[in-house]
Protein backbone atom coordinates (compact mmCIF):
# COMPACT_ATOMS: atom_id res chain seq x y z
CA MET A 1 32.02 26.95 96.51
CA SER A 2 30.28 27.68 93.16
CA PRO A 3 28.77 23.97 91.50
CA ALA A 4 30.56 21.45 89.33
CA ARG A 5 30.43 21.63 85.99
CA PRO A 6 29.13 18.42 84.56
CA ALA A 7 31.68 16.25 82.06
CA SER A 8 30.72 17.40 78.24
CA HIS A 9 31.75 15.01 75.39
CA ARG A 10 30.21 16.89 73.14
CA ARG A 11 32.14 16.58 69.48
CA ALA A 12 34.27 19.68 69.07
CA LEU A 13 33.65 21.87 66.89
CA ALA A 14 36.13 23.74 63.98
CA TRP A 15 35.02 27.78 64.82
CA THR A 16 35.96 30.87 64.24
CA ALA A 17 38.09 33.46 65.10
CA ALA A 18 36.08 36.72 65.17
CA LEU A 19 34.33 34.26 68.54
CA SER A 20 37.78 33.82 69.84
CA VAL A 21 38.69 36.28 72.41
CA PRO A 22 40.75 36.64 75.11
CA VAL A 23 41.10 34.34 77.90
CA LEU A 24 41.18 36.84 81.35
CA ALA A 25 41.51 35.64 84.43
CA GLY A 26 41.28 32.12 83.48
CA ALA A 27 38.18 33.08 82.57
CA ALA A 28 36.76 32.93 78.97
CA VAL A 29 35.66 36.62 78.32
CA LEU A 30 33.09 35.92 75.19
CA VAL A 31 26.98 40.02 75.34
CA PRO A 32 24.84 41.36 76.10
CA MET A 33 21.24 40.53 76.09
CA ALA A 34 18.18 43.03 76.12
CA ALA A 35 16.17 41.95 78.86
CA SER A 36 12.57 41.65 77.42
CA GLY A 37 9.08 40.82 79.54
CA ALA A 38 7.24 38.86 76.73
CA VAL A 39 10.32 36.36 77.76
CA ASP A 40 9.74 33.64 80.40
CA LEU A 41 11.27 29.94 79.68
CA PRO A 42 10.89 27.38 82.53
CA ASP A 43 12.77 28.42 84.79
CA LYS A 44 16.33 26.41 86.03
CA THR A 45 18.62 26.74 88.93
CA VAL A 46 22.26 26.86 88.04
CA GLU A 47 22.86 23.65 88.33
CA GLU A 48 20.67 22.44 86.26
CA LEU A 49 21.21 25.93 83.31
CA LEU A 50 24.95 24.55 83.35
CA GLU A 51 23.54 20.78 82.46
CA PHE A 52 21.46 21.93 79.92
CA ALA A 53 24.26 23.76 77.96
CA ALA A 54 27.14 20.84 78.95
CA ALA A 55 24.22 19.03 76.65
CA SER A 56 24.07 20.60 73.72
CA ASP A 57 25.15 19.08 70.64
CA VAL A 58 24.14 21.28 67.79
CA ASP A 59 26.82 20.58 65.27
CA ALA A 60 25.11 22.91 62.72
CA LEU A 61 24.51 26.71 61.89
CA SER A 62 24.73 30.04 60.07
CA GLY A 63 24.80 33.27 60.42
CA THR A 64 25.87 37.28 61.32
CA VAL A 65 28.25 37.68 64.66
CA GLU A 66 28.84 41.53 65.64
CA GLN A 67 31.44 42.39 68.04
CA THR A 68 31.91 45.56 69.70
CA SER A 69 35.40 46.34 71.64
CA GLU A 70 35.57 49.22 73.89
CA LEU A 71 38.30 48.62 76.06
CA GLY A 72 39.80 52.43 76.23
CA LEU A 73 42.21 51.03 74.13
CA PRO A 74 45.29 54.18 72.84
CA ASP A 75 45.62 54.35 69.49
CA LEU A 76 48.47 52.22 68.59
CA GLY A 77 48.92 52.40 64.63
CA ALA A 78 52.04 54.37 64.49
CA LEU A 79 53.96 51.37 66.56
CA MET A 80 52.78 49.46 63.44
CA GLY A 81 55.58 51.00 60.99
CA SER A 82 54.58 51.11 57.26
CA GLY A 83 55.86 52.09 53.74
CA ASP A 84 54.50 54.14 51.36
CA ASP A 85 51.87 52.44 50.18
CA GLY A 86 50.64 52.33 53.83
CA ALA A 87 51.05 48.24 54.56
CA PRO A 88 53.41 47.29 57.55
CA GLU A 89 57.36 46.90 56.20
CA GLU A 90 57.47 43.49 58.20
CA SER A 91 55.01 39.94 58.32
CA GLY A 92 54.86 39.82 61.68
CA ALA A 93 53.68 44.30 61.91
CA ALA A 94 51.22 43.39 59.79
CA SER A 95 49.49 40.03 62.08
CA ILE A 96 49.94 42.53 65.28
CA ASP A 97 47.88 44.98 63.37
CA ASP A 98 44.72 42.79 62.09
CA PHE A 99 45.40 41.98 66.28
CA ILE A 100 44.67 45.44 67.15
CA ALA A 101 42.01 46.20 64.96
CA LEU A 102 40.44 43.37 66.04
CA ALA A 103 40.45 44.39 69.45
CA THR A 104 39.31 47.81 68.96
CA GLY A 105 35.71 49.19 67.44
CA THR A 106 33.28 47.16 65.76
CA HIS A 107 33.53 44.28 63.62
CA THR A 108 31.16 41.71 61.92
CA ALA A 109 31.46 38.34 60.02
CA ASN A 110 29.35 35.18 59.08
CA VAL A 111 29.35 31.80 60.53
CA PHE A 112 29.11 29.07 58.36
CA LEU A 113 28.97 25.69 60.53
CA ASP A 114 28.34 21.91 59.47
CA GLY A 115 29.94 19.10 61.68
CA ASP A 116 33.67 19.50 60.73
CA ARG A 117 33.25 21.75 58.26
CA ALA A 118 33.16 25.74 59.06
CA ARG A 119 33.64 29.02 57.22
CA LEU A 120 33.95 32.96 59.14
CA GLN A 121 33.60 35.53 56.42
CA VAL A 122 35.20 38.68 58.63
CA LEU A 123 33.62 41.63 56.41
CA ASP A 124 36.50 44.59 55.81
CA GLN A 125 34.59 48.44 54.72
CA LEU A 126 36.65 47.41 51.45
CA ALA A 127 37.69 43.91 51.08
CA GLU A 128 37.22 40.75 53.40
CA ARG A 129 38.75 37.47 54.84
CA ASN A 130 37.96 34.14 55.00
CA VAL A 131 38.88 31.39 57.20
CA TYR A 132 38.11 27.96 56.27
CA ILE A 133 38.57 24.59 57.87
CA ASP A 134 37.90 21.57 56.40
CA GLY A 135 38.26 18.59 58.94
CA ASP A 136 37.75 15.51 56.64
CA ALA A 137 40.73 16.88 55.04
CA ARG A 138 42.47 17.97 57.47
CA GLU A 139 43.33 21.36 55.39
CA ALA A 140 42.32 25.15 56.40
CA TRP A 141 42.52 27.90 54.04
CA PHE A 142 43.06 31.85 55.53
CA VAL A 143 41.64 33.77 51.74
CA ASP A 144 42.59 37.69 52.07
CA SER A 145 40.43 39.49 49.11
CA GLU A 146 42.69 43.11 49.44
CA THR A 147 46.32 41.27 49.42
CA GLN A 148 44.67 38.67 46.51
CA THR A 149 46.45 35.97 48.58
CA ALA A 150 45.20 32.45 50.32
CA THR A 151 47.22 30.21 52.60
CA ARG A 152 46.35 26.61 52.46
CA PHE A 153 47.46 25.07 56.17
CA THR A 154 48.16 21.54 56.63
CA PRO A 155 48.50 19.61 59.99
CA PRO A 156 50.99 16.53 60.83
CA SER A 157 50.39 13.07 58.92
CA GLU A 158 48.61 10.68 60.90
CA ALA A 159 52.17 8.36 60.57
CA GLU A 160 53.30 11.98 61.81
CA LEU A 161 51.10 12.24 64.85
CA GLU A 162 51.46 8.05 65.44
CA GLN A 163 55.36 8.21 65.28
CA LEU A 164 55.51 11.36 67.68
CA LYS A 165 52.27 9.35 69.99
CA ALA A 166 54.92 6.90 70.28
CA GLU A 167 58.11 8.54 71.09
CA SER A 168 56.97 10.98 73.92
CA GLY A 169 54.74 8.39 75.41
CA ALA A 170 51.41 9.90 74.82
CA LYS A 171 47.78 8.96 75.21
CA THR A 172 46.24 8.35 72.07
CA ASP A 173 44.06 10.69 73.06
CA ASP A 174 45.63 13.61 73.99
CA ALA A 175 46.70 13.98 69.74
CA PRO A 176 46.11 16.96 68.16
CA THR A 177 42.97 17.50 66.69
CA ALA A 178 42.15 19.27 63.41
CA GLU A 179 38.95 20.74 65.18
CA GLU A 180 41.39 22.48 67.73
CA GLY A 181 42.36 25.76 68.21
CA LEU A 182 39.23 27.41 66.78
CA PRO A 183 37.59 27.31 70.25
CA THR A 184 33.50 27.35 69.78
CA PRO A 185 31.44 29.51 72.34
CA ASP A 186 30.61 26.09 74.18
CA GLN A 187 33.95 25.47 74.42
CA MET A 188 35.21 28.76 75.95
CA LEU A 189 31.85 28.98 78.05
CA ASP A 190 33.57 25.02 79.14
CA ASP A 191 36.99 26.34 79.68
CA ALA A 192 35.50 29.32 82.03
CA LEU A 193 32.96 27.23 83.98
CA ALA A 194 35.73 24.32 84.22
CA ARG A 195 37.52 27.11 86.70
CA LEU A 196 35.13 28.30 88.63
CA ASP A 197 35.41 28.56 92.57
CA GLU A 198 35.24 30.12 95.86
CA THR A 199 36.38 32.76 94.56
CA THR A 200 33.09 33.12 91.96
CA GLU A 201 29.28 33.97 92.11
CA VAL A 202 27.55 32.48 89.15
CA THR A 203 23.10 33.47 89.46
CA VAL A 204 21.35 33.25 86.92
CA GLY A 205 20.38 36.01 85.23
CA THR A 206 16.59 36.95 83.59
CA ASP A 207 15.76 35.96 80.54
CA ALA A 208 15.67 37.88 76.49
CA ARG A 209 16.67 37.35 73.76
CA VAL A 210 19.37 37.16 71.13
CA ALA A 211 18.90 36.91 67.09
CA GLY A 212 15.16 36.13 67.94
CA ARG A 213 15.73 33.27 69.84
CA ASP A 214 14.60 32.99 73.95
CA VAL A 215 17.92 32.50 76.23
CA TYR A 216 18.59 32.34 79.41
CA GLU A 217 21.40 34.32 81.66
CA LEU A 218 24.16 32.30 83.09
CA ILE A 219 26.76 35.70 85.29
CA LEU A 220 29.67 35.17 86.28
CA GLU A 221 30.66 37.69 89.63
CA PRO A 222 34.30 37.92 90.82
CA ARG A 223 34.10 37.56 94.42
CA THR A 224 37.21 38.87 94.91
CA GLY A 225 38.38 42.30 94.60
CA ASP A 226 41.72 42.58 92.59
CA THR A 227 40.74 42.54 89.40
CA LEU A 228 39.45 44.85 86.59
CA ILE A 229 35.96 42.47 85.46
CA GLY A 230 33.29 43.21 87.27
CA ASP A 231 30.36 40.66 85.80
CA ILE A 232 30.94 38.23 82.69
CA ARG A 233 27.60 37.31 80.98
CA PHE A 234 26.45 33.94 78.35
CA ALA A 235 23.33 33.78 76.40
CA ILE A 236 22.10 29.87 76.32
CA ASP A 237 19.54 29.36 73.54
CA GLY A 238 16.11 28.82 75.65
CA ARG A 239 15.70 25.30 73.31
CA ASN A 240 19.03 24.03 72.58
CA GLY A 241 21.82 25.46 75.25
CA THR A 242 23.93 27.21 72.82
CA ALA A 243 25.87 30.01 73.51
CA LEU A 244 24.96 32.99 71.31
CA ALA A 245 26.17 35.81 73.05
CA ALA A 246 28.45 36.57 75.39
CA SER A 247 29.85 40.00 77.29
CA VAL A 248 32.34 41.11 80.16
CA THR A 249 31.93 44.24 81.71
CA ALA A 250 34.32 46.50 84.16
CA ARG A 251 33.99 46.71 87.47
CA GLY A 252 32.10 49.69 88.15
CA ALA A 253 31.26 50.22 84.83
CA ASP A 254 27.63 49.41 83.94
CA GLN A 255 28.36 49.55 80.30
CA PRO A 256 29.94 46.07 78.47
CA ALA A 257 33.45 46.58 77.81
CA PHE A 258 32.98 43.65 75.00
CA GLU A 259 30.62 42.13 73.20
CA VAL A 260 30.41 39.07 70.46
CA ALA A 261 27.13 38.31 69.83
CA PHE A 262 24.27 36.76 66.53
CA THR A 263 22.43 39.02 65.35
CA LYS A 264 20.70 35.96 63.25
CA VAL A 265 21.15 32.59 63.95
CA SER A 266 20.13 29.47 61.91
CA PHE A 267 20.07 26.20 63.40
CA GLU A 268 19.87 24.97 59.07
CA ALA A 269 22.87 22.99 58.30
CA PRO A 270 24.42 25.85 55.20
CA ASP A 271 24.75 25.58 51.77
CA ALA A 272 27.68 23.56 51.02
CA ALA A 273 28.88 26.32 48.58
CA ALA A 274 29.19 28.16 51.32
CA LEU A 275 31.75 26.50 52.97
CA ALA A 276 33.51 25.27 49.75
CA PHE A 277 37.14 27.30 49.11
CA THR A 278 38.79 26.68 45.18
CA PRO A 279 41.15 29.28 44.54
CA GLY A 280 41.00 31.45 41.13
CA ASP A 281 43.63 31.62 38.86
CA ASP A 282 44.08 35.38 40.18
CA ILE A 283 44.24 34.33 43.69
CA ALA A 284 47.87 33.35 44.84
CA VAL A 285 48.40 30.61 46.61
CA VAL A 286 50.90 29.72 49.88
CA ASP A 287 50.95 26.48 51.67
CA GLU A 288 52.36 25.57 55.34
CA LYS A 289 52.28 22.81 56.99
CA LEU A 290 51.80 23.05 61.29
CA PRO A 291 54.45 22.47 62.47
CA LEU A 292 54.63 18.77 64.50
CA PRO A 293 55.77 19.32 68.37
CA ASN A 294 58.79 17.52 68.72
CA ALA A 295 58.60 14.53 71.52
CA ASP A 296 60.36 16.40 74.99
CA GLU A 297 57.23 20.05 73.78
CA TRP A 298 54.14 16.70 73.97
CA GLY A 299 54.38 14.04 76.16
CA SER A 300 54.09 13.40 80.20
CA GLY A 301 57.59 11.75 80.03
CA HIS A 302 58.87 14.86 80.02
CA ALA A 303 56.75 17.63 81.09
CA GLU A 304 59.25 18.70 83.52
CA ASP A 305 61.99 19.09 81.25
CA ASP A 306 63.97 22.70 81.98
CA ALA A 307 64.22 23.29 78.09
CA VAL A 308 60.76 23.33 77.81
CA ASP A 309 59.35 24.79 80.43
CA ALA A 310 61.40 28.13 80.59
CA GLU A 311 60.62 28.26 77.04
CA ARG A 312 56.73 28.49 78.27
CA PRO A 313 55.38 32.12 80.19
CA ALA A 314 55.07 31.66 84.11
CA VAL A 315 50.97 32.26 85.56
CA ALA A 316 51.71 33.47 89.21
CA GLY A 317 48.84 33.12 91.25
CA GLU A 318 45.42 31.59 89.44
CA GLY A 319 41.71 32.62 89.11
CA TRP A 320 40.50 36.41 87.97
CA SER A 321 44.05 38.01 89.85
CA ALA A 322 46.48 35.44 87.69
CA VAL A 323 48.91 37.51 86.06
CA VAL A 324 51.25 35.61 82.76
CA GLU A 325 54.56 36.32 82.58
CA LEU A 326 56.82 36.49 79.61
CA PRO A 327 60.23 36.62 79.44
CA ALA A 328 62.65 38.43 78.08
CA THR A 329 62.84 38.77 75.04
CA GLY A 330 66.40 38.97 73.28
CA ASP A 331 69.93 39.04 74.18
CA SER A 332 69.27 42.62 75.37
CA GLY A 333 66.68 42.33 77.45
CA ASP A 334 65.36 45.04 75.41
CA VAL A 335 61.52 45.51 73.91
CA PHE A 336 61.55 48.45 72.77
CA ALA A 337 65.10 47.44 71.05
CA GLY A 338 63.05 47.26 67.18
CA LEU A 339 61.44 51.09 68.02
CA ASP A 340 63.02 54.13 66.63
CA ALA A 341 63.00 56.58 67.84
CA GLU A 342 59.04 58.12 66.78
CA GLN A 343 58.11 55.01 67.54
CA ARG A 344 59.87 54.65 71.00
CA GLN A 345 58.03 58.07 71.99
CA MET A 346 54.46 56.75 71.14
CA LEU A 347 54.27 54.20 73.61
CA GLU A 348 56.16 55.81 75.83
CA GLY A 349 52.88 58.11 75.06
CA VAL A 350 50.33 55.28 75.90
CA THR A 351 52.25 54.06 78.42
CA SER A 352 52.79 55.45 82.22
CA GLU A 353 55.58 54.89 84.09
CA VAL A 354 55.81 53.19 87.61
CA ASP A 355 58.37 51.44 88.92
CA GLY A 356 60.50 49.21 87.78
CA GLY A 357 58.55 49.45 84.22
CA ARG A 358 55.99 51.20 81.39
CA VAL A 359 51.93 49.97 81.82
CA LEU A 360 49.49 50.10 79.56
CA GLN A 361 46.01 50.68 80.87
CA THR A 362 42.77 49.39 79.19
CA SER A 363 39.54 48.61 81.08
CA LEU A 364 40.03 44.97 81.49
CA VAL A 365 43.24 44.27 80.53
CA THR A 366 46.87 45.87 82.64
CA VAL A 367 50.20 44.85 80.58
CA LEU A 368 53.67 46.45 82.46
CA ILE A 369 56.60 46.23 80.04
CA THR A 370 59.60 46.12 82.79
CA ASP A 371 63.20 47.67 82.13
CA ASP A 372 64.57 44.03 82.25
CA GLY A 373 62.84 43.34 79.26
CA ARG A 374 59.76 40.97 81.18
CA VAL A 375 56.51 41.52 79.74
CA LEU A 376 53.58 40.60 82.09
CA ALA A 377 49.09 40.95 81.57
CA GLY A 378 46.51 39.99 83.54
CA ALA A 379 43.16 41.24 84.53
CA VAL A 380 44.36 42.57 87.31
CA PRO A 381 45.04 47.04 88.40
CA ALA A 382 48.41 47.82 87.42
CA ASP A 383 50.25 47.23 91.19
CA ARG A 384 49.43 43.68 90.75
CA LEU A 385 52.25 43.71 87.91
CA VAL A 386 54.53 45.44 89.63
CA GLU A 387 54.00 43.22 92.75
CA VAL A 388 55.24 40.66 90.76
CA ALA A 389 57.34 41.49 88.40
CA GLN A 390 59.40 42.96 91.53
CA ALA A 391 59.17 38.92 93.66
CA GLY A 392 60.78 37.29 90.05
CA ARG A 393 63.88 39.04 90.33
């Protein structure tokens, strides 16, 4: 068995979308490190390194993060659809386009964090996008310089949350907070290690340097052969235990398929001006209130409600070989229904036909779109998805 993860009660830190990465096979993938013979940190066992990381209490920093993805993902731009001006025709298409953009290539962002306030500044080629989080003010901003728009998100009020708790019977500790939803690298590390079992080998790698700081290397390797993942590596700051970098490498590959790391970092509190946002007269402001779940969707007394469970993705298996299945979309169950002939042809060109559907394959993730409209995904080979799909018919 792998060593148990010590309980961590560190305060949740607001973070950024650029640092959040998909959870593959139940483990968070967050970056390669250059081993340095000049780095010789005090030796730590696996248990000692986990305890060291769990004790990290950093809540202020600023720095620059680079993300690189080489997933072998085909060009899906033609599937997005666009108008004469090149902009996506549907607002939903824009979000899908943004997701695909972040899942490919290289991206740079500046990060600022001070307690319950945080900012992510994603630097595009000709513009920038900013996310501001203010836990005390209970609001978040998404600002797009290209469209000159700013969307302000506010969570449900404390009174609404109290009423929901009373109706659902939920415990006080179950209440959602303004900090949830934007995980830190530490929280991603917590998620990965919380799922450790006998299928995962955990080792301490070679001391190295990230962003000019000495780091330990923590390596997670699957002991099972039915996953596309070869290993996941985290860089743990040698002084304060913060996760500074991570990578995920496909099985049989010698270079990471996904990596994100600080290129420079300071653990001093950033200037307050870097965390503040006030929309100017040239910015169009949109207000959106985050939806409040109803008592059936949140609360232990209704956890088994059939209507609620029907909306949740089904998960087959666990750990590295877990497969997530989404129900069929729309009345027809045809996920291609909204595509025109050109887009349908494009989708067929980037997928392969298998028994019962079509598969989109990357180096780390496989997606199966079945003939009856279901979507299955996992860090597993295509035949594993086909097997799960056929069992669920």
